[in-house]
Amino acid sequence: MTHIKKGDMVKILSGKDRTKTGKVLSVDGQQGKAIVEGRNIMTRHERPKKSGQKGQKVQFPGAINISNLTIICPNCGKPTRAGSKIDDKSVKVRICKKCGKGIK
């Protein structure tokens, strides 16, 4: 189980996009990686598929290891660790370790 989910705002802690923020597009919990919108842009060169067509460069966001990401709390706006607690309806909720309010 990961502490990051699709739709979270995250800050990147290491790599070429260090200190930048973005929205999580998808999470692969099995491999421990996440794709962040507009960050870690990779370029792939594609061959022409038909004769007469030109080859092209395709850019796409690459996966980032989850250990290199931290959640930005929507309430206090600070990068934080996520904790969890059970609310009064017996549902497990993620909480901000800095302000103590629920995350999403």
PDB file of N, CA and C in Angstrom:
ATOM      1  N   MET A   1       0.844  -1.181   0.000  1.00  0.00           N
ATOM      2  CA  MET A   1       0.000   0.000   0.000  1.00  0.00           C
ATOM      3  C   MET A   1       0.893   1.250   0.000  1.00  0.00           C
ATOM      4  N   THR A   2       0.593   2.187  -0.851  1.00  0.00           N
ATOM      5  CA  THR A   2       1.398   3.396  -0.948  1.00  0.00           C
ATOM      6  C   THR A   2       0.693   4.571  -0.273  1.00  0.00           C
ATOM      7  N   HIS A   3       1.467   5.570   0.104  1.00  0.00           N
ATOM      8  CA  HIS A   3       0.917   6.755   0.731  1.00  0.00           C
ATOM      9  C   HIS A   3       0.502   7.796  -0.300  1.00  0.00           C
ATOM     10  N   ILE A   4       0.764   7.529  -1.575  1.00  0.00           N
ATOM     11  CA  ILE A   4       0.418   8.453  -2.655  1.00  0.00           C
ATOM     12  C   ILE A   4      -0.671   7.831  -3.512  1.00  0.00           C
ATOM     13  N   LYS A   5      -1.661   8.650  -3.887  1.00  0.00           N
ATOM     14  CA  LYS A   5      -2.763   8.165  -4.711  1.00  0.00           C
ATOM     15  C   LYS A   5      -2.946   9.063  -5.930  1.00  0.00           C
ATOM     16  N   LYS A   6      -3.671   8.560  -6.907  1.00  0.00           N
ATOM     17  CA  LYS A   6      -3.968   9.313  -8.112  1.00  0.00           C
ATOM     18  C   LYS A   6      -4.712  10.590  -7.738  1.00  0.00           C
ATOM     19  N   GLY A   7      -4.289  11.717  -8.316  1.00  0.00           N
ATOM     20  CA  GLY A   7      -4.936  12.997  -8.050  1.00  0.00           C
ATOM     21  C   GLY A   7      -4.256  13.838  -6.977  1.00  0.00           C
ATOM     22  N   ASP A   8      -3.308  13.265  -6.227  1.00  0.00           N
ATOM     23  CA  ASP A   8      -2.593  14.013  -5.193  1.00  0.00           C
ATOM     24  C   ASP A   8      -1.641  15.022  -5.826  1.00  0.00           C
ATOM     25  N   MET A   9      -1.433  16.155  -5.141  1.00  0.00           N
ATOM     26  CA  MET A   9      -0.370  17.083  -5.515  1.00  0.00           C
ATOM     27  C   MET A   9       0.874  16.641  -4.757  1.00  0.00           C
ATOM     28  N   VAL A  10       1.985  16.496  -5.469  1.00  0.00           N
ATOM     29  CA  VAL A  10       3.211  16.017  -4.843  1.00  0.00           C
ATOM     30  C   VAL A  10       4.379  16.940  -5.173  1.00  0.00           C
ATOM     31  N   LYS A  11       5.403  16.882  -4.322  1.00  0.00           N
ATOM     32  CA  LYS A  11       6.662  17.584  -4.551  1.00  0.00           C
ATOM     33  C   LYS A  11       7.718  16.526  -4.809  1.00  0.00           C
ATOM     34  N   ILE A  12       8.561  16.756  -5.820  1.00  0.00           N
ATOM     35  CA  ILE A  12       9.619  15.812  -6.161  1.00  0.00           C
ATOM     36  C   ILE A  12      10.855  16.141  -5.328  1.00  0.00           C
ATOM     37  N   LEU A  13      11.402  15.140  -4.643  1.00  0.00           N
ATOM     38  CA  LEU A  13      12.508  15.344  -3.710  1.00  0.00           C
ATOM     39  C   LEU A  13      13.882  15.161  -4.332  1.00  0.00           C
ATOM     40  N   SER A  14      13.993  14.393  -5.416  1.00  0.00           N
ATOM     41  CA  SER A  14      15.305  14.173  -6.033  1.00  0.00           C
ATOM     42  C   SER A  14      15.158  13.934  -7.525  1.00  0.00           C
ATOM     43  N   GLY A  15      16.258  14.076  -8.237  1.00  0.00           N
ATOM     44  CA  GLY A  15      16.248  13.882  -9.677  1.00  0.00           C
ATOM     45  C   GLY A  15      16.307  15.211 -10.412  1.00  0.00           C
ATOM     46  N   LYS A  16      16.145  15.170 -11.721  1.00  0.00           N
ATOM     47  CA  LYS A  16      16.287  16.381 -12.526  1.00  0.00           C
ATOM     48  C   LYS A  16      15.168  17.390 -12.284  1.00  0.00           C
ATOM     49  N   ASP A  17      14.017  16.941 -11.792  1.00  0.00           N
ATOM     50  CA  ASP A  17      12.896  17.841 -11.505  1.00  0.00           C
ATOM     51  C   ASP A  17      12.750  18.126 -10.009  1.00  0.00           C
ATOM     52  N   ARG A  18      13.860  18.027  -9.269  1.00  0.00           N
ATOM     53  CA  ARG A  18      13.846  18.257  -7.823  1.00  0.00           C
ATOM     54  C   ARG A  18      13.228  19.615  -7.487  1.00  0.00           C
ATOM     55  N   THR A  19      12.443  19.690  -6.444  1.00  0.00           N
ATOM     56  CA  THR A  19      11.729  20.855  -5.902  1.00  0.00           C
ATOM     57  C   THR A  19      10.503  21.262  -6.718  1.00  0.00           C
ATOM     58  N   LYS A  20      10.224  20.605  -7.834  1.00  0.00           N
ATOM     59  CA  LYS A  20       9.045  20.941  -8.626  1.00  0.00           C
ATOM     60  C   LYS A  20       7.846  20.148  -8.129  1.00  0.00           C
ATOM     61  N   THR A  21       6.658  20.659  -8.424  1.00  0.00           N
ATOM     62  CA  THR A  21       5.431  20.007  -7.981  1.00  0.00           C
ATOM     63  C   THR A  21       4.587  19.606  -9.182  1.00  0.00           C
ATOM     64  N   GLY A  22       3.651  18.709  -8.963  1.00  0.00           N
ATOM     65  CA  GLY A  22       2.753  18.286 -10.024  1.00  0.00           C
ATOM     66  C   GLY A  22       1.684  17.354  -9.492  1.00  0.00           C
ATOM     67  N   LYS A  23       0.721  17.063 -10.344  1.00  0.00           N
ATOM     68  CA  LYS A  23      -0.399  16.202  -9.989  1.00  0.00           C
ATOM     69  C   LYS A  23      -0.097  14.767 -10.429  1.00  0.00           C
ATOM     70  N   VAL A  24      -0.423  13.812  -9.588  1.00  0.00           N
ATOM     71  CA  VAL A  24      -0.167  12.404  -9.891  1.00  0.00           C
ATOM     72  C   VAL A  24      -1.224  11.904 -10.880  1.00  0.00           C
ATOM     73  N   LEU A  25      -0.758  11.367 -12.022  1.00  0.00           N
ATOM     74  CA  LEU A  25      -1.661  10.833 -13.040  1.00  0.00           C
ATOM     75  C   LEU A  25      -1.983   9.359 -12.794  1.00  0.00           C
ATOM     76  N   SER A  26      -0.974   8.588 -12.360  1.00  0.00           N
ATOM     77  CA  SER A  26      -1.203   7.176 -12.076  1.00  0.00           C
ATOM     78  C   SER A  26      -0.142   6.668 -11.107  1.00  0.00           C
ATOM     79  N   VAL A  27      -0.497   5.602 -10.390  1.00  0.00           N
ATOM     80  CA  VAL A  27       0.411   4.995  -9.418  1.00  0.00           C
ATOM     81  C   VAL A  27       0.472   3.502  -9.690  1.00  0.00           C
ATOM     82  N   ASP A  28       1.695   2.967  -9.717  1.00  0.00           N
ATOM     83  CA  ASP A  28       1.893   1.529  -9.840  1.00  0.00           C
ATOM     84  C   ASP A  28       2.466   1.047  -8.509  1.00  0.00           C
ATOM     85  N   GLY A  29       1.616   0.549  -7.640  1.00  0.00           N
ATOM     86  CA  GLY A  29       2.020   0.119  -6.310  1.00  0.00           C
ATOM     87  C   GLY A  29       2.911  -1.110  -6.339  1.00  0.00           C
ATOM     88  N   GLN A  30       2.757  -1.945  -7.349  1.00  0.00           N
ATOM     89  CA  GLN A  30       3.552  -3.160  -7.476  1.00  0.00           C
ATOM     90  C   GLN A  30       5.029  -2.819  -7.674  1.00  0.00           C
ATOM     91  N   GLN A  31       5.310  -1.853  -8.560  1.00  0.00           N
ATOM     92  CA  GLN A  31       6.685  -1.451  -8.838  1.00  0.00           C
ATOM     93  C   GLN A  31       7.140  -0.281  -7.971  1.00  0.00           C
ATOM     94  N   GLY A  32       6.204   0.372  -7.270  1.00  0.00           N
ATOM     95  CA  GLY A  32       6.552   1.507  -6.417  1.00  0.00           C
ATOM     96  C   GLY A  32       6.883   2.753  -7.212  1.00  0.00           C
ATOM     97  N   LYS A  33       6.143   2.990  -8.300  1.00  0.00           N
ATOM     98  CA  LYS A  33       6.404   4.145  -9.155  1.00  0.00           C
ATOM     99  C   LYS A  33       5.116   4.914  -9.413  1.00  0.00           C
ATOM    100  N   ALA A  34       5.282   6.211  -9.712  1.00  0.00           N
ATOM    101  CA  ALA A  34       4.142   7.071 -10.025  1.00  0.00           C
ATOM    102  C   ALA A  34       4.494   7.952 -11.211  1.00  0.00           C
ATOM    103  N   ILE A  35       3.479   8.350 -11.970  1.00  0.00           N
ATOM    104  CA  ILE A  35       3.670   9.269 -13.089  1.00  0.00           C
ATOM    105  C   ILE A  35       3.073  10.605 -12.680  1.00  0.00           C
ATOM    106  N   VAL A  36       3.912  11.668 -12.759  1.00  0.00           N
ATOM    107  CA  VAL A  36       3.505  13.013 -12.360  1.00  0.00           C
ATOM    108  C   VAL A  36       3.344  13.865 -13.609  1.00  0.00           C
ATOM    109  N   GLU A  37       2.243  14.593 -13.681  1.00  0.00           N
ATOM    110  CA  GLU A  37       1.897  15.387 -14.854  1.00  0.00           C
ATOM    111  C   GLU A  37       2.954  16.458 -15.149  1.00  0.00           C
ATOM    112  N   GLY A  38       3.522  16.414 -16.359  1.00  0.00           N
ATOM    113  CA  GLY A  38       4.474  17.425 -16.811  1.00  0.00           C
ATOM    114  C   GLY A  38       5.868  17.321 -16.225  1.00  0.00           C
ATOM    115  N   ARG A  39       6.174  16.254 -15.529  1.00  0.00           N
ATOM    116  CA  ARG A  39       7.482  16.095 -14.891  1.00  0.00           C
ATOM    117  C   ARG A  39       8.159  14.828 -15.400  1.00  0.00           C
ATOM    118  N   ASN A  40       9.509  14.797 -15.341  1.00  0.00           N
ATOM    119  CA  ASN A  40      10.319  13.670 -15.798  1.00  0.00           C
ATOM    120  C   ASN A  40       9.972  13.315 -17.252  1.00  0.00           C
ATOM    121  N   ILE A  41      10.013  14.330 -18.115  1.00  0.00           N
ATOM    122  CA  ILE A  41       9.630  14.158 -19.520  1.00  0.00           C
ATOM    123  C   ILE A  41      10.684  13.337 -20.256  1.00  0.00           C
ATOM    124  N   MET A  42      10.235  12.284 -20.902  1.00  0.00           N
ATOM    125  CA  MET A  42      11.087  11.407 -21.703  1.00  0.00           C
ATOM    126  C   MET A  42      10.773  11.637 -23.188  1.00  0.00           C
ATOM    127  N   THR A  43      11.750  11.348 -24.047  1.00  0.00           N
ATOM    128  CA  THR A  43      11.548  11.475 -25.488  1.00  0.00           C
ATOM    129  C   THR A  43      11.811  10.131 -26.147  1.00  0.00           C
ATOM    130  N   ARG A  44      10.872   9.709 -26.981  1.00  0.00           N
ATOM    131  CA  ARG A  44      11.035   8.461 -27.721  1.00  0.00           C
ATOM    132  C   ARG A  44      10.971   8.800 -29.216  1.00  0.00           C
ATOM    133  N   HIS A  45      11.893   8.241 -29.993  1.00  0.00           N
ATOM    134  CA  HIS A  45      11.914   8.460 -31.438  1.00  0.00           C
ATOM    135  C   HIS A  45      11.124   7.331 -32.092  1.00  0.00           C
ATOM    136  N   GLU A  46      10.106   7.704 -32.864  1.00  0.00           N
ATOM    137  CA  GLU A  46       9.286   6.698 -33.542  1.00  0.00           C
ATOM    138  C   GLU A  46       9.579   6.697 -35.031  1.00  0.00           C
ATOM    139  N   ARG A  47       9.644   5.505 -35.585  1.00  0.00           N
ATOM    140  CA  ARG A  47       9.859   5.346 -37.019  1.00  0.00           C
ATOM    141  C   ARG A  47       8.561   5.637 -37.760  1.00  0.00           C
ATOM    142  N   PRO A  48       8.690   6.008 -39.029  1.00  0.00           N
ATOM    143  CA  PRO A  48       7.463   6.175 -39.828  1.00  0.00           C
ATOM    144  C   PRO A  48       6.756   4.830 -40.007  1.00  0.00           C
ATOM    145  N   LYS A  49       5.464   4.818 -39.861  1.00  0.00           N
ATOM    146  CA  LYS A  49       4.700   3.570 -39.957  1.00  0.00           C
ATOM    147  C   LYS A  49       4.382   3.204 -41.418  1.00  0.00           C
ATOM    148  N   LYS A  50       4.141   4.229 -42.251  1.00  0.00           N
ATOM    149  CA  LYS A  50       3.845   3.994 -43.666  1.00  0.00           C
ATOM    150  C   LYS A  50       4.876   4.720 -44.522  1.00  0.00           C
ATOM    151  N   SER A  51       5.008   4.312 -45.766  1.00  0.00           N
ATOM    152  CA  SER A  51       5.941   5.004 -46.654  1.00  0.00           C
ATOM    153  C   SER A  51       5.408   6.410 -46.937  1.00  0.00           C
ATOM    154  N   GLY A  52       6.315   7.377 -46.959  1.00  0.00           N
ATOM    155  CA  GLY A  52       5.915   8.763 -47.181  1.00  0.00           C
ATOM    156  C   GLY A  52       5.634   9.506 -45.878  1.00  0.00           C
ATOM    157  N   GLN A  53       5.513   8.774 -44.802  1.00  0.00           N
ATOM    158  CA  GLN A  53       5.250   9.403 -43.509  1.00  0.00           C
ATOM    159  C   GLN A  53       6.595   9.742 -42.846  1.00  0.00           C
ATOM    160  N   LYS A  54       6.628  10.800 -42.038  1.00  0.00           N
ATOM    161  CA  LYS A  54       7.866  11.187 -41.372  1.00  0.00           C
ATOM    162  C   LYS A  54       7.962  10.543 -39.996  1.00  0.00           C
ATOM    163  N   GLY A  55       9.193  10.287 -39.578  1.00  0.00           N
ATOM    164  CA  GLY A  55       9.427   9.841 -38.211  1.00  0.00           C
ATOM    165  C   GLY A  55       9.205  11.025 -37.275  1.00  0.00           C
ATOM    166  N   GLN A  56       9.021  10.745 -36.009  1.00  0.00           N
ATOM    167  CA  GLN A  56       8.751  11.842 -35.086  1.00  0.00           C
ATOM    168  C   GLN A  56       9.294  11.550 -33.695  1.00  0.00           C
ATOM    169  N   LYS A  57       9.424  12.612 -32.912  1.00  0.00           N
ATOM    170  CA  LYS A  57       9.808  12.497 -31.517  1.00  0.00           C
ATOM    171  C   LYS A  57       8.534  12.600 -30.679  1.00  0.00           C
ATOM    172  N   VAL A  58       8.350  11.648 -29.797  1.00  0.00           N
ATOM    173  CA  VAL A  58       7.178  11.651 -28.926  1.00  0.00           C
ATOM    174  C   VAL A  58       7.655  11.890 -27.502  1.00  0.00           C
ATOM    175  N   GLN A  59       7.077  12.884 -26.833  1.00  0.00           N
ATOM    176  CA  GLN A  59       7.428  13.168 -25.449  1.00  0.00           C
ATOM    177  C   GLN A  59       6.313  12.685 -24.532  1.00  0.00           C
ATOM    178  N   PHE A  60       6.704  12.100 -23.388  1.00  0.00           N
ATOM    179  CA  PHE A  60       5.735  11.577 -22.430  1.00  0.00           C
ATOM    180  C   PHE A  60       6.347  11.617 -21.034  1.00  0.00           C
ATOM    181  N   PRO A  61       5.517  11.719 -19.991  1.00  0.00           N
ATOM    182  CA  PRO A  61       6.066  11.723 -18.625  1.00  0.00           C
ATOM    183  C   PRO A  61       6.497  10.325 -18.209  1.00  0.00           C
ATOM    184  N   GLY A  62       7.711  10.218 -17.679  1.00  0.00           N
ATOM    185  CA  GLY A  62       8.235   8.941 -17.215  1.00  0.00           C
ATOM    186  C   GLY A  62       7.869   8.692 -15.761  1.00  0.00           C
ATOM    187  N   ALA A  63       8.007   7.455 -15.324  1.00  0.00           N
ATOM    188  CA  ALA A  63       7.668   7.083 -13.956  1.00  0.00           C
ATOM    189  C   ALA A  63       8.760   7.551 -12.990  1.00  0.00           C
ATOM    190  N   ILE A  64       8.339   7.932 -11.786  1.00  0.00           N
ATOM    191  CA  ILE A  64       9.242   8.370 -10.721  1.00  0.00           C
ATOM    192  C   ILE A  64       9.028   7.449  -9.534  1.00  0.00           C
ATOM    193  N   ASN A  65      10.110   7.071  -8.870  1.00  0.00           N
ATOM    194  CA  ASN A  65      10.003   6.213  -7.704  1.00  0.00           C
ATOM    195  C   ASN A  65       9.227   6.939  -6.597  1.00  0.00           C
ATOM    196  N   ILE A  66       8.309   6.240  -5.948  1.00  0.00           N
ATOM    197  CA  ILE A  66       7.455   6.839  -4.927  1.00  0.00           C
ATOM    198  C   ILE A  66       8.265   7.367  -3.746  1.00  0.00           C
ATOM    199  N   SER A  67       9.421   6.764  -3.481  1.00  0.00           N
ATOM    200  CA  SER A  67      10.245   7.243  -2.371  1.00  0.00           C
ATOM    201  C   SER A  67      10.805   8.633  -2.634  1.00  0.00           C
ATOM    202  N   ASN A  68      10.782   9.090  -3.870  1.00  0.00           N
ATOM    203  CA  ASN A  68      11.285  10.415  -4.226  1.00  0.00           C
ATOM    204  C   ASN A  68      10.179  11.457  -4.284  1.00  0.00           C
ATOM    205  N   LEU A  69       8.988  11.128  -3.795  1.00  0.00           N
ATOM    206  CA  LEU A  69       7.848  12.046  -3.806  1.00  0.00           C
ATOM    207  C   LEU A  69       7.331  12.255  -2.393  1.00  0.00           C
ATOM    208  N   THR A  70       6.792  13.443  -2.127  1.00  0.00           N
ATOM    209  CA  THR A  70       6.098  13.696  -0.872  1.00  0.00           C
ATOM    210  C   THR A  70       4.811  14.454  -1.179  1.00  0.00           C
ATOM    211  N   ILE A  71       3.785  14.196  -0.403  1.00  0.00           N
ATOM    212  CA  ILE A  71       2.476  14.807  -0.617  1.00  0.00           C
ATOM    213  C   ILE A  71       2.497  16.259  -0.179  1.00  0.00           C
ATOM    214  N   ILE A  72       1.786  17.120  -0.929  1.00  0.00           N
ATOM    215  CA  ILE A  72       1.556  18.493  -0.495  1.00  0.00           C
ATOM    216  C   ILE A  72       0.137  18.531   0.069  1.00  0.00           C
ATOM    217  N   CYS A  73       0.025  18.916   1.335  1.00  0.00           N
ATOM    218  CA  CYS A  73      -1.267  18.938   2.023  1.00  0.00           C
ATOM    219  C   CYS A  73      -2.177  19.975   1.373  1.00  0.00           C
ATOM    220  N   PRO A  74      -3.412  19.611   0.990  1.00  0.00           N
ATOM    221  CA  PRO A  74      -4.322  20.586   0.388  1.00  0.00           C
ATOM    222  C   PRO A  74      -4.816  21.634   1.383  1.00  0.00           C
ATOM    223  N   ASN A  75      -4.704  21.360   2.694  1.00  0.00           N
ATOM    224  CA  ASN A  75      -5.182  22.294   3.711  1.00  0.00           C
ATOM    225  C   ASN A  75      -4.134  23.343   4.067  1.00  0.00           C
ATOM    226  N   CYS A  76      -2.916  22.906   4.425  1.00  0.00           N
ATOM    227  CA  CYS A  76      -1.877  23.854   4.851  1.00  0.00           C
ATOM    228  C   CYS A  76      -0.915  24.217   3.728  1.00  0.00           C
ATOM    229  N   GLY A  77      -0.909  23.462   2.622  1.00  0.00           N
ATOM    230  CA  GLY A  77      -0.070  23.773   1.472  1.00  0.00           C
ATOM    231  C   GLY A  77       1.399  23.435   1.637  1.00  0.00           C
ATOM    232  N   LYS A  78       1.748  22.658   2.668  1.00  0.00           N
ATOM    233  CA  LYS A  78       3.136  22.302   2.923  1.00  0.00           C
ATOM    234  C   LYS A  78       3.404  20.850   2.532  1.00  0.00           C
ATOM    235  N   PRO A  79       4.651  20.556   2.094  1.00  0.00           N
ATOM    236  CA  PRO A  79       5.004  19.151   1.856  1.00  0.00           C
ATOM    237  C   PRO A  79       5.017  18.416   3.192  1.00  0.00           C
ATOM    238  N   THR A  80       4.401  17.262   3.237  1.00  0.00           N
ATOM    239  CA  THR A  80       4.241  16.563   4.509  1.00  0.00           C
ATOM    240  C   THR A  80       4.266  15.065   4.325  1.00  0.00           C
ATOM    241  N   ARG A  81       4.377  14.360   5.436  1.00  0.00           N
ATOM    242  CA  ARG A  81       4.207  12.918   5.427  1.00  0.00           C
ATOM    243  C   ARG A  81       2.737  12.622   5.680  1.00  0.00           C
ATOM    244  N   ALA A  82       2.274  11.502   5.210  1.00  0.00           N
ATOM    245  CA  ALA A  82       0.874  11.132   5.402  1.00  0.00           C
ATOM    246  C   ALA A  82       0.771  10.083   6.500  1.00  0.00           C
ATOM    247  N   GLY A  83      -0.097  10.342   7.446  1.00  0.00           N
ATOM    248  CA  GLY A  83      -0.406   9.366   8.478  1.00  0.00           C
ATOM    249  C   GLY A  83      -1.796   8.824   8.220  1.00  0.00           C
ATOM    250  N   SER A  84      -2.291   8.011   9.109  1.00  0.00           N
ATOM    251  CA  SER A  84      -3.653   7.521   8.952  1.00  0.00           C
ATOM    252  C   SER A  84      -4.315   7.395  10.307  1.00  0.00           C
ATOM    253  N   LYS A  85      -5.625   7.568  10.308  1.00  0.00           N
ATOM    254  CA  LYS A  85      -6.398   7.341  11.521  1.00  0.00           C
ATOM    255  C   LYS A  85      -7.792   6.889  11.115  1.00  0.00           C
ATOM    256  N   ILE A  86      -8.494   6.295  12.042  1.00  0.00           N
ATOM    257  CA  ILE A  86      -9.849   5.810  11.785  1.00  0.00           C
ATOM    258  C   ILE A  86     -10.817   6.860  12.303  1.00  0.00           C
ATOM    259  N   ASP A  87     -11.681   7.338  11.413  1.00  0.00           N
ATOM    260  CA  ASP A  87     -12.626   8.378  11.819  1.00  0.00           C
ATOM    261  C   ASP A  87     -13.829   7.784  12.540  1.00  0.00           C
ATOM    262  N   ASP A  88     -14.783   8.636  12.886  1.00  0.00           N
ATOM    263  CA  ASP A  88     -15.940   8.196  13.670  1.00  0.00           C
ATOM    264  C   ASP A  88     -16.867   7.240  12.916  1.00  0.00           C
ATOM    265  N   LYS A  89     -16.718   7.156  11.589  1.00  0.00           N
ATOM    266  CA  LYS A  89     -17.538   6.230  10.790  1.00  0.00           C
ATOM    267  C   LYS A  89     -16.802   4.914  10.528  1.00  0.00           C
ATOM    268  N   SER A  90     -15.719   4.661  11.265  1.00  0.00           N
ATOM    269  CA  SER A  90     -14.889   3.451  11.124  1.00  0.00           C
ATOM    270  C   SER A  90     -14.280   3.311   9.742  1.00  0.00           C
ATOM    271  N   VAL A  91     -13.853   4.443   9.158  1.00  0.00           N
ATOM    272  CA  VAL A  91     -13.203   4.460   7.852  1.00  0.00           C
ATOM    273  C   VAL A  91     -11.785   4.984   8.040  1.00  0.00           C
ATOM    274  N   LYS A  92     -10.814   4.303   7.431  1.00  0.00           N
ATOM    275  CA  LYS A  92      -9.413   4.725   7.518  1.00  0.00           C
ATOM    276  C   LYS A  92      -9.200   5.940   6.617  1.00  0.00           C
ATOM    277  N   VAL A  93      -8.620   7.013   7.179  1.00  0.00           N
ATOM    278  CA  VAL A  93      -8.438   8.277   6.468  1.00  0.00           C
ATOM    279  C   VAL A  93      -6.977   8.698   6.546  1.00  0.00           C
ATOM    280  N   ARG A  94      -6.435   9.217   5.430  1.00  0.00           N
ATOM    281  CA  ARG A  94      -5.082   9.758   5.452  1.00  0.00           C
ATOM    282  C   ARG A  94      -5.109  11.147   6.093  1.00  0.00           C
ATOM    283  N   ILE A  95      -4.122  11.443   6.940  1.00  0.00           N
ATOM    284  CA  ILE A  95      -4.049  12.756   7.576  1.00  0.00           C
ATOM    285  C   ILE A  95      -2.677  13.377   7.347  1.00  0.00           C
ATOM    286  N   CYS A  96      -2.635  14.713   7.397  1.00  0.00           N
ATOM    287  CA  CYS A  96      -1.394  15.470   7.292  1.00  0.00           C
ATOM    288  C   CYS A  96      -0.692  15.423   8.644  1.00  0.00           C
ATOM    289  N   LYS A  97       0.598  15.095   8.657  1.00  0.00           N
ATOM    290  CA  LYS A  97       1.353  15.028   9.907  1.00  0.00           C
ATOM    291  C   LYS A  97       1.657  16.416  10.469  1.00  0.00           C
ATOM    292  N   LYS A  98       1.542  17.479   9.635  1.00  0.00           N
ATOM    293  CA  LYS A  98       1.844  18.831  10.106  1.00  0.00           C
ATOM    294  C   LYS A  98       0.630  19.530  10.694  1.00  0.00           C
ATOM    295  N   CYS A  99      -0.509  19.495   9.966  1.00  0.00           N
ATOM    296  CA  CYS A  99      -1.683  20.223  10.469  1.00  0.00           C
ATOM    297  C   CYS A  99      -2.724  19.300  11.093  1.00  0.00           C
ATOM    298  N   GLY A 100      -2.636  17.984  10.835  1.00  0.00           N
ATOM    299  CA  GLY A 100      -3.557  17.030  11.450  1.00  0.00           C
ATOM    300  C   GLY A 100      -4.898  16.865  10.762  1.00  0.00           C
ATOM    301  N   LYS A 101      -5.130  17.602   9.670  1.00  0.00           N
ATOM    302  CA  LYS A 101      -6.406  17.508   8.938  1.00  0.00           C
ATOM    303  C   LYS A 101      -6.351  16.393   7.914  1.00  0.00           C
ATOM    304  N   GLY A 102      -7.516  15.946   7.476  1.00  0.00           N
ATOM    305  CA  GLY A 102      -7.607  14.856   6.507  1.00  0.00           C
ATOM    306  C   GLY A 102      -7.142  15.270   5.125  1.00  0.00           C
ATOM    307  N   ILE A 103      -6.535  14.321   4.407  1.00  0.00           N
ATOM    308  CA  ILE A 103      -6.099  14.539   3.028  1.00  0.00           C
ATOM    309  C   ILE A 103      -7.100  13.851   2.113  1.00  0.00           C
ATOM    310  N   LYS A 104      -7.853  14.630   1.377  1.00  0.00           N
ATOM    311  CA  LYS A 104      -8.834  14.142   0.402  1.00  0.00           C
ATOM    312  C   LYS A 104      -9.833  13.255   1.036  1.00  0.00           C
TER     313      LYS A 104
END
